C-alpha atoms as a PDB file:
ATOM      1  CA  UNK A   1       0.000   0.000   0.000  1.00  0.00           C
ATOM      2  CA  UNK A   2       1.260   3.475  -0.850  1.00  0.00           C
ATOM      3  CA  UNK A   3       1.943   5.214   2.463  1.00  0.00           C
ATOM      4  CA  UNK A   4       3.401   8.577   3.434  1.00  0.00           C
ATOM      5  CA  UNK A   5       3.752  10.407   6.748  1.00  0.00           C
ATOM      6  CA  UNK A   6       3.354  14.103   7.496  1.00  0.00           C
ATOM      7  CA  UNK A   7       5.782  15.908   9.819  1.00  0.00           C
ATOM      8  CA  UNK A   8       4.044  16.663  13.113  1.00  0.00           C
ATOM      9  CA  UNK A   9       5.556  20.139  13.269  1.00  0.00           C
ATOM     10  CA  UNK A  10       3.989  21.074   9.925  1.00  0.00           C
ATOM     11  CA  UNK A  11       0.275  20.621  10.669  1.00  0.00           C
ATOM     12  CA  UNK A  12      -2.197  20.477  13.529  1.00  0.00           C
ATOM     13  CA  UNK A  13      -2.905  17.011  14.862  1.00  0.00           C
ATOM     14  CA  UNK A  14      -6.564  16.178  14.334  1.00  0.00           C
ATOM     15  CA  UNK A  15      -7.057  18.730  11.526  1.00  0.00           C
ATOM     16  CA  UNK A  16      -7.127  17.203   8.052  1.00  0.00           C
ATOM     17  CA  UNK A  17      -7.744  20.552   6.336  1.00  0.00           C
ATOM     18  CA  UNK A  18      -4.665  22.062   8.010  1.00  0.00           C
ATOM     19  CA  UNK A  19      -2.596  19.046   6.976  1.00  0.00           C
ATOM     20  CA  UNK A  20      -3.780  19.371   3.383  1.00  0.00           C
ATOM     21  CA  UNK A  21      -2.977  23.110   3.261  1.00  0.00           C
ATOM     22  CA  UNK A  22       0.376  23.192   5.011  1.00  0.00           C
ATOM     23  CA  UNK A  23       1.530  19.701   5.923  1.00  0.00           C
ATOM     24  CA  UNK A  24       4.993  18.596   4.825  1.00  0.00           C
ATOM     25  CA  UNK A  25       5.743  15.006   3.798  1.00  0.00           C
ATOM     26  CA  UNK A  26       8.378  13.518   6.111  1.00  0.00           C
ATOM     27  CA  UNK A  27       8.469   9.818   5.161  1.00  0.00           C
ATOM     28  CA  UNK A  28       7.467   7.838   2.084  1.00  0.00           C
ATOM     29  CA  UNK A  29       7.542   4.191   1.128  1.00  0.00           C
ATOM     30  CA  UNK A  30       8.740   2.939  -2.265  1.00  0.00           C
ATOM     31  CA  UNK A  31       5.255   2.966  -3.836  1.00  0.00           C
ATOM     32  CA  UNK A  32       4.798   6.622  -2.901  1.00  0.00           C
ATOM     33  CA  UNK A  33       8.291   7.467  -4.085  1.00  0.00           C
ATOM     34  CA  UNK A  34       7.506   5.820  -7.440  1.00  0.00           C
ATOM     35  CA  UNK A  35       4.625   8.314  -7.818  1.00  0.00           C
ATOM     36  CA  UNK A  36       7.082  11.215  -7.524  1.00  0.00           C
ATOM     37  CA  UNK A  37       6.347  12.126  -3.904  1.00  0.00           C
ATOM     38  CA  UNK A  38       9.395  12.995  -1.812  1.00  0.00           C
ATOM     39  CA  UNK A  39      10.254  14.123   1.697  1.00  0.00           C
ATOM     40  CA  UNK A  40       9.831  17.879   2.038  1.00  0.00           C
ATOM     41  CA  UNK A  41       6.941  18.121  -0.422  1.00  0.00           C
ATOM     42  CA  UNK A  42       3.707  19.793   0.687  1.00  0.00           C
ATOM     43  CA  UNK A  43       0.753  17.482   1.149  1.00  0.00           C
ATOM     44  CA  UNK A  44      -1.532  19.126  -1.398  1.00  0.00           C
ATOM     45  CA  UNK A  45       1.067  18.470  -4.133  1.00  0.00           C
ATOM     46  CA  UNK A  46       1.619  14.918  -2.912  1.00  0.00           C
ATOM     47  CA  UNK A  47      -2.119  14.183  -3.020  1.00  0.00           C
ATOM     48  CA  UNK A  48      -2.254  14.941  -6.736  1.00  0.00           C
ATOM     49  CA  UNK A  49       0.746  12.703  -7.423  1.00  0.00           C
ATOM     50  CA  UNK A  50      -0.659   9.897  -5.271  1.00  0.00           C
ATOM     51  CA  UNK A  51      -3.681   9.601  -7.532  1.00  0.00           C
ATOM     52  CA  UNK A  52      -1.459   7.424  -9.731  1.00  0.00           C
ATOM     53  CA  UNK A  53      -0.537   5.047  -6.870  1.00  0.00           C
ATOM     54  CA  UNK A  54      -1.562   1.425  -7.354  1.00  0.00           C
ATOM     55  CA  UNK A  55      -4.397   0.073  -5.258  1.00  0.00           C
ATOM     56  CA  UNK A  56      -3.401  -2.687  -2.823  1.00  0.00           C
ATOM     57  CA  UNK A  57      -3.522  -6.100  -4.498  1.00  0.00           C
ATOM     58  CA  UNK A  58      -4.693  -8.004  -1.438  1.00  0.00           C
ATOM     59  CA  UNK A  59      -7.136  -7.437   1.348  1.00  0.00           C
ATOM     60  CA  UNK A  60      -5.469  -6.166   4.480  1.00  0.00           C
ATOM     61  CA  UNK A  61      -5.527  -8.371   7.541  1.00  0.00           C
ATOM     62  CA  UNK A  62      -8.313  -7.464   9.914  1.00  0.00           C
ATOM     63  CA  UNK A  63      -6.957  -5.112  12.525  1.00  0.00           C
ATOM     64  CA  UNK A  64      -7.747  -5.855  16.137  1.00  0.00           C
ATOM     65  CA  UNK A  65      -7.745  -2.828  18.409  1.00  0.00           C
ATOM     66  CA  UNK A  66      -5.836  -3.535  21.588  1.00  0.00           C
ATOM     67  CA  UNK A  67      -7.148  -3.485  25.158  1.00  0.00           C
ATOM     68  CA  UNK A  68      -4.680  -4.665  27.802  1.00  0.00           C
ATOM     69  CA  UNK A  69      -4.488  -4.271  31.574  1.00  0.00           C
ATOM     70  CA  UNK A  70      -1.245  -3.608  33.393  1.00  0.00           C
ATOM     71  CA  UNK A  71      -1.521  -3.480  37.198  1.00  0.00           C
ATOM     72  CA  UNK A  72      -5.192  -2.522  36.917  1.00  0.00           C
ATOM     73  CA  UNK A  73      -4.579   0.251  34.373  1.00  0.00           C
ATOM     74  CA  UNK A  74      -6.427  -0.076  31.073  1.00  0.00           C
ATOM     75  CA  UNK A  75      -4.070   0.323  28.095  1.00  0.00           C
ATOM     76  CA  UNK A  76      -5.946   0.924  24.830  1.00  0.00           C
ATOM     77  CA  UNK A  77      -4.904   1.624  21.248  1.00  0.00           C
ATOM     78  CA  UNK A  78      -7.327   4.505  20.826  1.00  0.00           C
ATOM     79  CA  UNK A  79      -9.283   6.603  23.280  1.00  0.00           C
ATOM     80  CA  UNK A  80     -12.256   5.902  21.007  1.00  0.00           C
ATOM     81  CA  UNK A  81     -12.248   2.341  22.426  1.00  0.00           C
ATOM     82  CA  UNK A  82     -13.272   3.631  25.855  1.00  0.00           C
ATOM     83  CA  UNK A  83     -16.821   2.787  26.881  1.00  0.00           C
ATOM     84  CA  UNK A  84     -19.149   3.107  29.867  1.00  0.00           C
ATOM     85  CA  UNK A  85     -17.598  -0.005  31.459  1.00  0.00           C
ATOM     86  CA  UNK A  86     -14.322   1.951  31.674  1.00  0.00           C
ATOM     87  CA  UNK A  87     -15.793   4.835  33.686  1.00  0.00           C
ATOM     88  CA  UNK A  88     -13.614   5.702  36.662  1.00  0.00           C
ATOM     89  CA  UNK A  89     -10.590   3.723  35.454  1.00  0.00           C
ATOM     90  CA  UNK A  90      -7.056   4.927  34.847  1.00  0.00           C
ATOM     91  CA  UNK A  91      -6.560   4.709  31.064  1.00  0.00           C
ATOM     92  CA  UNK A  92      -3.316   4.794  29.070  1.00  0.00           C
ATOM     93  CA  UNK A  93      -3.895   5.373  25.359  1.00  0.00           C
ATOM     94  CA  UNK A  94      -1.533   5.588  22.438  1.00  0.00           C
ATOM     95  CA  UNK A  95      -3.939   8.159  20.959  1.00  0.00           C
ATOM     96  CA  UNK A  96      -3.077  11.818  20.558  1.00  0.00           C
ATOM     97  CA  UNK A  97      -4.699  14.356  22.836  1.00  0.00           C
ATOM     98  CA  UNK A  98      -6.179  16.457  20.043  1.00  0.00           C
ATOM     99  CA  UNK A  99      -9.415  18.284  20.662  1.00  0.00           C
ATOM    100  CA  UNK A 100     -11.565  15.392  19.401  1.00  0.00           C
ATOM    101  CA  UNK A 101     -10.330  13.264  22.318  1.00  0.00           C
ATOM    102  CA  UNK A 102     -12.264  15.438  24.783  1.00  0.00           C
ATOM    103  CA  UNK A 103     -15.600  14.415  23.271  1.00  0.00           C
ATOM    104  CA  UNK A 104     -14.649  10.744  23.439  1.00  0.00           C
ATOM    105  CA  UNK A 105     -13.529  11.064  27.066  1.00  0.00           C
ATOM    106  CA  UNK A 106     -16.771  12.725  28.125  1.00  0.00           C
ATOM    107  CA  UNK A 107     -18.661   9.611  27.063  1.00  0.00           C
ATOM    108  CA  UNK A 108     -17.000   7.388  29.701  1.00  0.00           C
ATOM    109  CA  UNK A 109     -15.185   9.734  32.135  1.00  0.00           C
ATOM    110  CA  UNK A 110     -12.043   7.883  33.215  1.00  0.00           C
ATOM    111  CA  UNK A 111     -10.408   8.812  36.528  1.00  0.00           C
ATOM    112  CA  UNK A 112      -7.088   9.596  34.826  1.00  0.00           C
ATOM    113  CA  UNK A 113      -6.024   9.473  31.165  1.00  0.00           C
ATOM    114  CA  UNK A 114      -2.587   9.287  29.584  1.00  0.00           C
ATOM    115  CA  UNK A 115      -2.210  10.279  25.918  1.00  0.00           C
ATOM    116  CA  UNK A 116       0.661  10.537  23.436  1.00  0.00           C
ATOM    117  CA  UNK A 117       1.563  14.134  22.500  1.00  0.00           C
ATOM    118  CA  UNK A 118       2.510  13.034  18.936  1.00  0.00           C
ATOM    119  CA  UNK A 119       5.270  15.649  18.993  1.00  0.00           C
ATOM    120  CA  UNK A 120       2.620  18.288  19.847  1.00  0.00           C
ATOM    121  CA  UNK A 121       2.412  19.616  16.274  1.00  0.00           C
ATOM    122  CA  UNK A 122       1.411  23.124  15.266  1.00  0.00           C
ATOM    123  CA  UNK A 123      -0.213  25.158  18.064  1.00  0.00           C
ATOM    124  CA  UNK A 124       0.480  22.262  20.490  1.00  0.00           C
ATOM    125  CA  UNK A 125      -2.527  20.520  18.956  1.00  0.00           C
ATOM    126  CA  UNK A 126      -1.312  17.146  20.272  1.00  0.00           C
ATOM    127  CA  UNK A 127      -2.274  18.318  23.773  1.00  0.00           C
ATOM    128  CA  UNK A 128      -5.240  20.516  22.857  1.00  0.00           C
ATOM    129  CA  UNK A 129      -7.821  18.724  24.937  1.00  0.00           C
ATOM    130  CA  UNK A 130      -5.961  19.027  28.269  1.00  0.00           C
ATOM    131  CA  UNK A 131      -7.630  22.332  29.227  1.00  0.00           C
ATOM    132  CA  UNK A 132     -10.995  21.126  27.906  1.00  0.00           C
ATOM    133  CA  UNK A 133     -10.766  18.017  30.074  1.00  0.00           C
ATOM    134  CA  UNK A 134      -9.771  20.250  32.981  1.00  0.00           C
ATOM    135  CA  UNK A 135     -13.038  22.143  32.663  1.00  0.00           C
ATOM    136  CA  UNK A 136     -14.858  18.781  32.659  1.00  0.00           C
ATOM    137  CA  UNK A 137     -13.006  17.656  35.790  1.00  0.00           C
ATOM    138  CA  UNK A 138     -11.141  14.873  33.951  1.00  0.00           C
ATOM    139  CA  UNK A 139      -7.510  14.447  35.000  1.00  0.00           C
ATOM    140  CA  UNK A 140      -5.147  13.998  32.026  1.00  0.00           C
ATOM    141  CA  UNK A 141      -1.509  14.080  30.922  1.00  0.00           C
ATOM    142  CA  UNK A 142       0.405  13.550  27.699  1.00  0.00           C
ATOM    143  CA  UNK A 143       3.619  11.583  27.299  1.00  0.00           C
ATOM    144  CA  UNK A 144       6.346  12.533  24.848  1.00  0.00           C
ATOM    145  CA  UNK A 145       6.119  10.822  21.465  1.00  0.00           C
ATOM    146  CA  UNK A 146       9.851  10.112  21.551  1.00  0.00           C
ATOM    147  CA  UNK A 147       9.448   8.221  24.843  1.00  0.00           C
ATOM    148  CA  UNK A 148       6.503   5.995  23.912  1.00  0.00           C
ATOM    149  CA  UNK A 149       6.055   4.657  20.404  1.00  0.00           C
ATOM    150  CA  UNK A 150       2.651   5.241  18.894  1.00  0.00           C
ATOM    151  CA  UNK A 151       1.442   1.795  17.909  1.00  0.00           C
ATOM    152  CA  UNK A 152       1.940   0.040  21.268  1.00  0.00           C
ATOM    153  CA  UNK A 153      -0.556   1.065  23.931  1.00  0.00           C
ATOM    154  CA  UNK A 154       1.521  -0.436  26.767  1.00  0.00           C
ATOM    155  CA  UNK A 155       4.486   1.843  26.076  1.00  0.00           C
ATOM    156  CA  UNK A 156       2.473   4.940  27.009  1.00  0.00           C
ATOM    157  CA  UNK A 157       2.353   3.589  30.551  1.00  0.00           C
ATOM    158  CA  UNK A 158       5.568   1.563  30.763  1.00  0.00           C
ATOM    159  CA  UNK A 159       8.087   4.035  29.358  1.00  0.00           C
ATOM    160  CA  UNK A 160       6.216   7.283  28.690  1.00  0.00           C
ATOM    161  CA  UNK A 161       7.715  10.516  30.027  1.00  0.00           C
ATOM    162  CA  UNK A 162       5.124  13.159  30.908  1.00  0.00           C
ATOM    163  CA  UNK A 163       5.305  16.102  28.492  1.00  0.00           C
ATOM    164  CA  UNK A 164       2.198  18.107  29.490  1.00  0.00           C
ATOM    165  CA  UNK A 165      -0.360  18.046  32.303  1.00  0.00           C
ATOM    166  CA  UNK A 166      -3.705  19.673  32.905  1.00  0.00           C
ATOM    167  CA  UNK A 167      -4.232  21.954  35.909  1.00  0.00           C
ATOM    168  CA  UNK A 168      -6.175  19.370  37.897  1.00  0.00           C
ATOM    169  CA  UNK A 169      -3.397  16.793  37.899  1.00  0.00           C
ATOM    170  CA  UNK A 170      -0.749  19.471  38.401  1.00  0.00           C
ATOM    171  CA  UNK A 171      -2.510  20.354  41.640  1.00  0.00           C
ATOM    172  CA  UNK A 172      -2.286  16.704  42.703  1.00  0.00           C
ATOM    173  CA  UNK A 173       1.450  16.605  42.038  1.00  0.00           C
ATOM    174  CA  UNK A 174       2.130  15.314  38.505  1.00  0.00           C
ATOM    175  CA  UNK A 175       4.952  17.138  36.741  1.00  0.00           C
ATOM    176  CA  UNK A 176       6.440  17.285  33.264  1.00  0.00           C
ATOM    177  CA  UNK A 177       9.518  15.048  33.066  1.00  0.00           C
ATOM    178  CA  UNK A 178       8.215  12.345  35.402  1.00  0.00           C
ATOM    179  CA  UNK A 179       7.457   8.836  34.217  1.00  0.00           C
ATOM    180  CA  UNK A 180       3.859   7.914  33.476  1.00  0.00           C
ATOM    181  CA  UNK A 181       4.192   4.914  35.797  1.00  0.00           C
ATOM    182  CA  UNK A 182       4.394   7.270  38.767  1.00  0.00           C
ATOM    183  CA  UNK A 183       0.631   7.477  39.145  1.00  0.00           C
ATOM    184  CA  UNK A 184      -0.392  10.361  41.393  1.00  0.00           C
ATOM    185  CA  UNK A 185      -2.593   9.550  44.365  1.00  0.00           C
ATOM    186  CA  UNK A 186      -6.110  10.338  43.195  1.00  0.00           C
END
């Protein structure tokens, strides 16, 4: 499958229109490269070139979204996997903390949520929902993307380094630079 990545510092996380207008291609695979797309190109140009990319020749394997528990903490691939049964839990997600995450969190109200900052992106969009969650009384932090690989929900908790906190958890004692495993007393 033709696949390219957009540099996080070139567009707002969670904003496809912003990515299309100003995003910069940062990684390409060989199929994308064969279409003439290269690192450093703006997304809107790459989109036109990618129209010539071949369609995948086989069906993709069915993806299974991950839900794991580590010491009672729910580790999930996406905050969108949270449901009413998860209300009041501590949740570690590999998801970004873009503004859309706030709406998802309101639906099940975890006690504490860890997100990936995805490198923050333009306007710190990777942590945009922290103040929104604060106003909803939901305690939340982000971990640095370079400390916890997106794609493995357990790493957010196991090796994540806190990169941003909302006011509520700051008042409890969580600080930027600490490990995510150091769960504050809630």
